[in-house]
Amino acid sequence: MKKSSIFLFLAAFTLTACQENGETADAYGNFEAQEVIVSAEGNGQLLQFDVEEGQELQPGQFIGLIDTTQLHLKRQQLLASIQAITGKTQEVQPQIDVLLEQKQNLAREEKRLKALVADNAATPKQLDDIQGQIEVVDKQIEAARSQNKDLNKSILAEIAPLQAQINLVSDQIRRCYISNPIEGTVLLKLAEPHEIVATGKPLYTIAGIDELELRAYISGEQLPHIQIGQQVEVQIDRDKETNRSLTGAISWISDKAEFTPKTIQTKEERVNLVYAFKV
């Protein structure tokens, strides 16, 4: 986490900068930027990686690409498998079409025989035979349609897991297109183009530094004088001789004492236990 030393003045007290009159600050601490480690979500060669330390990035900005060749080939293979399975439905439908055409021919013959029977030019038995053939064809059509329905169910059962695999591969392809998650500044670049990366490998760290969080420390005697929401004045170095004042509000106060960090000063130099708070 990137940090820089600061001087903190509590707004409740009338104090001036220690550099100007020799008084010490009420507390000292460090600025902390909330870092995000952006990691690879795919496996393969890093074909493109447009990231440099100090670069400002926007949310959703495209910054890199992991090779997707193998994933595209796998998806094509799955699509071909689905196409082959779907083609099985064409094995039954032609049989149904033939039976339907046969029924139409029998229906026309039935109509003709009815007219002949009415004119005593054909026997009732001939008509009965045609009608019997129509019943047989109807049963054959029904059986073929039932077979086709069962086949479709079987095909859908085979296609479903393949489609799930396609969805998975498509998601893996999408994750190979690297997008920046938050607005901020690149702090550390951890990968280079053409490297082989794996899922979970850190690529870079980024932090939003427009709004920083200050972590400072005070003694137990000072603790009763601060509260959540209290306005404070923060002074940071403008240059070697002057300071710059910033304002903030206390957002968190620790309820547990801890030993003074080595890099932190307190108003009372002999204090061993301090309380952390954030601005």
Protein backbone atom coordinates (compact mmCIF):
# COMPACT_ATOMS: atom_id res chain seq x y z
CA MET A 1 0.00 0.00 0.00
CA LYS A 2 1.45 3.36 -1.00
CA LYS A 3 1.93 5.77 1.90
CA SER A 4 3.37 9.24 2.64
CA SER A 5 4.06 10.89 6.00
CA ILE A 6 1.68 13.61 7.22
CA PHE A 7 1.10 15.89 10.19
CA LEU A 8 -2.41 15.87 11.69
CA PHE A 9 -4.08 18.62 13.74
CA LEU A 10 -7.38 18.04 15.55
CA ALA A 11 -9.90 20.72 14.75
CA ALA A 12 -10.98 20.90 18.38
CA PHE A 13 -7.66 22.39 19.36
CA THR A 14 -6.15 25.73 18.44
CA LEU A 15 -2.76 24.68 17.14
CA THR A 16 -0.37 25.89 14.50
CA ALA A 17 2.13 24.04 12.39
CA CYS A 18 5.04 22.77 14.40
CA GLN A 19 7.42 23.88 11.69
CA GLU A 20 6.34 27.48 12.30
CA ASN A 21 6.39 27.80 16.09
CA GLY A 22 8.08 24.68 17.39
CA GLU A 23 4.92 23.03 18.74
CA THR A 24 4.42 19.37 17.98
CA ALA A 25 1.46 18.01 16.06
CA ASP A 26 -1.35 16.25 17.89
CA ALA A 27 -0.79 13.09 15.88
CA TYR A 28 1.22 11.65 13.04
CA GLY A 29 0.25 9.06 10.51
CA ASN A 30 0.33 7.86 6.93
CA PHE A 31 -1.86 8.31 3.90
CA GLU A 32 -3.18 4.99 2.65
CA ALA A 33 -4.67 4.37 -0.77
CA GLN A 34 -6.99 1.38 -1.08
CA GLU A 35 -5.17 -0.82 -3.56
CA VAL A 36 -6.75 -3.33 -5.92
CA ILE A 37 -4.62 -6.18 -7.23
CA VAL A 38 -5.82 -7.00 -10.74
CA SER A 39 -5.11 -10.65 -11.58
CA ALA A 40 -5.41 -12.76 -14.71
CA GLU A 41 -8.70 -14.62 -15.15
CA GLY A 42 -7.42 -16.86 -17.94
CA ASN A 43 -4.52 -19.07 -18.94
CA GLY A 44 -2.19 -18.49 -21.86
CA GLN A 45 0.17 -16.00 -23.44
CA LEU A 46 -0.35 -12.34 -22.62
CA LEU A 47 -0.66 -11.06 -26.19
CA GLN A 48 -1.41 -7.44 -25.27
CA PHE A 49 -0.84 -5.52 -22.04
CA ASP A 50 -1.17 -1.72 -22.21
CA VAL A 51 -0.29 -0.80 -18.63
CA GLU A 52 2.49 1.42 -17.28
CA GLU A 53 3.23 2.52 -13.72
CA GLY A 54 1.77 5.95 -13.00
CA GLN A 55 -0.82 5.58 -15.76
CA GLU A 56 -4.36 6.81 -15.07
CA LEU A 57 -7.02 4.22 -15.94
CA GLN A 58 -10.80 4.39 -16.14
CA PRO A 59 -13.33 1.72 -15.08
CA GLY A 60 -13.97 -0.78 -17.88
CA GLN A 61 -10.97 0.41 -19.91
CA PHE A 62 -9.55 -2.38 -22.09
CA ILE A 63 -5.89 -2.92 -21.20
CA GLY A 64 -4.90 -6.42 -22.27
CA LEU A 65 -5.64 -9.73 -23.96
CA ILE A 66 -4.72 -13.33 -23.13
CA ASP A 67 -4.47 -15.74 -26.08
CA THR A 68 -7.88 -17.32 -26.78
CA THR A 69 -6.93 -19.56 -29.72
CA GLN A 70 -7.38 -22.86 -27.88
CA LEU A 71 -10.67 -21.72 -26.36
CA HIS A 72 -12.06 -20.72 -29.77
CA LEU A 73 -11.07 -24.11 -31.20
CA LYS A 74 -12.77 -25.89 -28.31
CA ARG A 75 -15.95 -23.88 -28.83
CA GLN A 76 -15.97 -24.71 -32.55
CA GLN A 77 -15.60 -28.40 -31.70
CA LEU A 78 -18.57 -28.23 -29.34
CA LEU A 79 -20.69 -26.41 -31.93
CA ALA A 80 -19.84 -29.11 -34.50
CA SER A 81 -20.93 -31.80 -32.03
CA ILE A 82 -24.28 -30.08 -31.54
CA GLN A 83 -24.76 -29.80 -35.29
CA ALA A 84 -24.06 -33.51 -35.74
CA ILE A 85 -26.55 -34.46 -33.03
CA THR A 86 -29.21 -32.13 -34.41
CA GLY A 87 -28.87 -33.84 -37.80
CA LYS A 88 -30.30 -37.03 -36.31
CA THR A 89 -33.82 -35.57 -36.49
CA GLN A 90 -33.61 -35.71 -40.29
CA GLU A 91 -33.42 -39.51 -40.14
CA VAL A 92 -37.08 -39.88 -39.08
CA GLN A 93 -38.77 -36.94 -40.79
CA PRO A 94 -38.31 -38.33 -44.36
CA GLN A 95 -40.14 -41.50 -43.30
CA ILE A 96 -43.03 -39.41 -42.02
CA ASP A 97 -43.15 -37.42 -45.27
CA VAL A 98 -43.36 -40.65 -47.33
CA LEU A 99 -46.22 -41.99 -45.18
CA LEU A 100 -48.14 -38.70 -45.45
CA GLU A 101 -47.85 -38.77 -49.23
CA GLN A 102 -48.98 -42.42 -49.25
CA LYS A 103 -52.01 -41.49 -47.16
CA GLN A 104 -52.95 -38.72 -49.60
CA ASN A 105 -52.85 -41.20 -52.50
CA LEU A 106 -55.01 -43.68 -50.58
CA ALA A 107 -57.46 -40.91 -49.69
CA ARG A 108 -57.87 -40.04 -53.37
CA GLU A 109 -58.39 -43.74 -54.20
CA GLU A 110 -60.94 -44.01 -51.40
CA LYS A 111 -62.88 -41.07 -52.85
CA ARG A 112 -62.83 -42.63 -56.33
CA LEU A 113 -64.02 -46.02 -55.04
CA LYS A 114 -66.87 -44.45 -53.11
CA ALA A 115 -68.14 -42.97 -56.36
CA LEU A 116 -67.73 -46.30 -58.15
CA VAL A 117 -69.53 -48.21 -55.40
CA ALA A 118 -72.39 -45.72 -55.63
CA ASP A 119 -72.62 -46.50 -59.36
CA ASN A 120 -72.21 -50.26 -58.72
CA ALA A 121 -68.95 -50.11 -60.67
CA ALA A 122 -66.87 -51.37 -57.72
CA THR A 123 -67.47 -53.71 -54.80
CA PRO A 124 -67.76 -52.63 -51.16
CA LYS A 125 -64.86 -54.97 -50.38
CA GLN A 126 -62.54 -52.88 -52.56
CA LEU A 127 -63.54 -49.79 -50.59
CA ASP A 128 -63.05 -51.61 -47.29
CA ASP A 129 -59.57 -52.68 -48.37
CA ILE A 130 -58.55 -49.09 -49.16
CA GLN A 131 -59.95 -47.82 -45.86
CA GLY A 132 -58.05 -50.57 -44.04
CA GLN A 133 -54.84 -49.48 -45.75
CA ILE A 134 -55.50 -45.88 -44.64
CA GLU A 135 -55.86 -47.03 -41.02
CA VAL A 136 -52.57 -48.92 -41.26
CA VAL A 137 -50.79 -45.84 -42.67
CA ASP A 138 -52.31 -43.65 -39.91
CA LYS A 139 -50.85 -45.97 -37.28
CA GLN A 140 -47.49 -45.94 -39.03
CA ILE A 141 -47.52 -42.12 -39.08
CA GLU A 142 -48.42 -42.00 -35.38
CA ALA A 143 -45.61 -44.45 -34.54
CA ALA A 144 -43.09 -42.46 -36.60
CA ARG A 145 -44.11 -39.20 -34.94
CA SER A 146 -43.80 -40.79 -31.50
CA GLN A 147 -40.35 -42.07 -32.46
CA ASN A 148 -39.41 -38.59 -33.67
CA LYS A 149 -40.62 -37.05 -30.40
CA ASP A 150 -38.57 -39.50 -28.33
CA LEU A 151 -35.58 -38.84 -30.54
CA ASN A 152 -35.94 -35.10 -30.04
CA LYS A 153 -36.00 -35.59 -26.26
CA SER A 154 -32.86 -37.68 -26.51
CA ILE A 155 -31.19 -35.06 -28.69
CA LEU A 156 -32.07 -32.27 -26.27
CA ALA A 157 -30.61 -34.35 -23.44
CA GLU A 158 -27.37 -34.68 -25.41
CA ILE A 159 -27.26 -31.03 -26.45
CA ALA A 160 -27.86 -29.54 -22.97
CA PRO A 161 -24.44 -30.45 -21.47
CA LEU A 162 -22.70 -29.43 -24.69
CA GLN A 163 -24.43 -26.05 -24.59
CA ALA A 164 -23.37 -25.66 -20.96
CA GLN A 165 -19.77 -26.31 -22.01
CA ILE A 166 -20.10 -23.71 -24.78
CA ASN A 167 -21.38 -21.17 -22.25
CA LEU A 168 -18.42 -21.97 -19.99
CA VAL A 169 -15.88 -21.62 -22.81
CA SER A 170 -17.52 -18.37 -23.95
CA ASP A 171 -17.18 -17.00 -20.43
CA GLN A 172 -13.52 -18.08 -20.34
CA ILE A 173 -12.95 -16.25 -23.63
CA ARG A 174 -14.62 -13.13 -22.23
CA ARG A 175 -12.36 -13.21 -19.17
CA CYS A 176 -9.28 -13.23 -21.41
CA TYR A 177 -10.15 -9.66 -22.42
CA ILE A 178 -8.69 -7.73 -19.49
CA SER A 179 -10.61 -4.66 -18.35
CA ASN A 180 -9.55 -2.28 -15.61
CA PRO A 181 -11.98 -2.50 -12.64
CA ILE A 182 -11.73 0.94 -10.99
CA GLU A 183 -10.67 4.51 -11.68
CA GLY A 184 -7.20 5.13 -10.36
CA THR A 185 -3.46 5.20 -10.87
CA VAL A 186 -1.32 2.16 -11.64
CA LEU A 187 1.09 1.71 -8.75
CA LEU A 188 2.94 -1.43 -9.78
CA LYS A 189 3.20 -3.38 -13.04
CA LEU A 190 3.68 -7.10 -12.39
CA ALA A 191 3.61 -8.63 -15.88
CA GLU A 192 4.89 -7.98 -19.38
CA PRO A 193 3.49 -8.72 -22.86
CA HIS A 194 4.23 -12.22 -24.25
CA GLU A 195 4.58 -13.75 -20.77
CA ILE A 196 2.63 -16.93 -20.01
CA VAL A 197 0.08 -16.20 -17.30
CA ALA A 198 -2.28 -18.38 -15.32
CA THR A 199 -5.57 -17.67 -13.59
CA GLY A 200 -4.89 -15.75 -10.39
CA LYS A 201 -1.49 -14.34 -11.43
CA PRO A 202 -1.28 -10.66 -10.36
CA LEU A 203 -0.89 -8.35 -13.37
CA TYR A 204 -0.81 -4.91 -11.75
CA THR A 205 -1.95 -2.95 -8.73
CA ILE A 206 -4.11 0.15 -8.97
CA ALA A 207 -5.38 2.61 -6.39
CA GLY A 208 -7.72 5.56 -6.43
CA ILE A 209 -5.61 8.40 -5.01
CA ASP A 210 -8.11 11.23 -5.45
CA GLU A 211 -9.56 10.32 -2.06
CA LEU A 212 -7.04 9.02 0.46
CA GLU A 213 -7.52 7.56 3.90
CA LEU A 214 -5.29 8.73 6.73
CA ARG A 215 -4.29 6.35 9.51
CA ALA A 216 -2.87 8.18 12.52
CA TYR A 217 -2.16 7.41 16.17
CA ILE A 218 -2.81 9.19 19.47
CA SER A 219 -2.11 8.47 23.12
CA GLY A 220 -4.66 7.32 25.66
CA GLU A 221 -4.79 10.82 27.17
CA GLN A 222 -5.80 12.28 23.81
CA LEU A 223 -8.45 9.61 23.11
CA PRO A 224 -11.34 11.35 24.99
CA HIS A 225 -10.85 14.46 22.86
CA ILE A 226 -11.72 12.85 19.49
CA GLN A 227 -14.93 11.37 18.12
CA ILE A 228 -16.40 9.93 14.91
CA GLY A 229 -17.29 12.67 12.44
CA GLN A 230 -14.99 15.25 14.04
CA GLN A 231 -13.36 17.64 11.56
CA VAL A 232 -9.57 17.69 11.52
CA GLU A 233 -6.88 19.69 9.80
CA VAL A 234 -4.14 17.76 8.05
CA GLN A 235 -0.85 19.32 7.04
CA ILE A 236 1.42 17.83 4.42
CA ASP A 237 4.64 19.14 2.91
CA ARG A 238 4.04 21.56 0.04
CA ASP A 239 7.79 21.96 -0.38
CA LYS A 240 10.87 21.93 1.87
CA GLU A 241 9.81 25.07 3.76
CA THR A 242 6.00 25.29 3.69
CA ASN A 243 3.05 23.03 4.39
CA ARG A 244 -0.29 22.51 2.70
CA SER A 245 -3.45 22.20 4.81
CA LEU A 246 -6.22 19.73 4.04
CA THR A 247 -9.48 19.02 5.86
CA GLY A 248 -11.04 15.69 6.71
CA ALA A 249 -13.34 13.91 9.13
CA ILE A 250 -12.60 11.07 11.55
CA SER A 251 -14.30 7.93 10.23
CA TRP A 252 -13.03 5.24 12.62
CA ILE A 253 -11.41 5.00 16.06
CA SER A 254 -9.85 1.80 17.36
CA ASP A 255 -11.06 0.54 20.73
CA LYS A 256 -7.84 -1.36 21.35
CA ALA A 257 -4.42 0.01 22.24
CA GLU A 258 -1.35 -1.14 20.35
CA PHE A 259 2.38 -0.57 20.54
CA THR A 260 3.53 2.53 18.69
CA PRO A 261 4.60 1.63 15.12
CA LYS A 262 8.29 2.35 14.51
CA THR A 263 7.54 4.73 11.65
CA ILE A 264 5.02 6.80 13.64
CA GLN A 265 5.56 9.65 16.10
CA THR A 266 3.16 10.78 18.82
CA LYS A 267 2.77 14.09 20.61
CA GLU A 268 4.20 12.45 23.73
CA GLU A 269 7.38 10.73 22.66
CA ARG A 270 7.51 8.36 25.66
CA VAL A 271 4.09 6.85 25.03
CA ASN A 272 4.36 3.12 24.25
CA LEU A 273 0.67 2.31 23.66
CA VAL A 274 -1.39 4.25 21.17
CA TYR A 275 -4.84 4.15 19.57
CA ALA A 276 -5.29 4.18 15.81
CA PHE A 277 -7.92 6.25 14.03
CA LYS A 278 -8.75 7.01 10.41
CA VAL A 279 -9.58 10.23 8.60
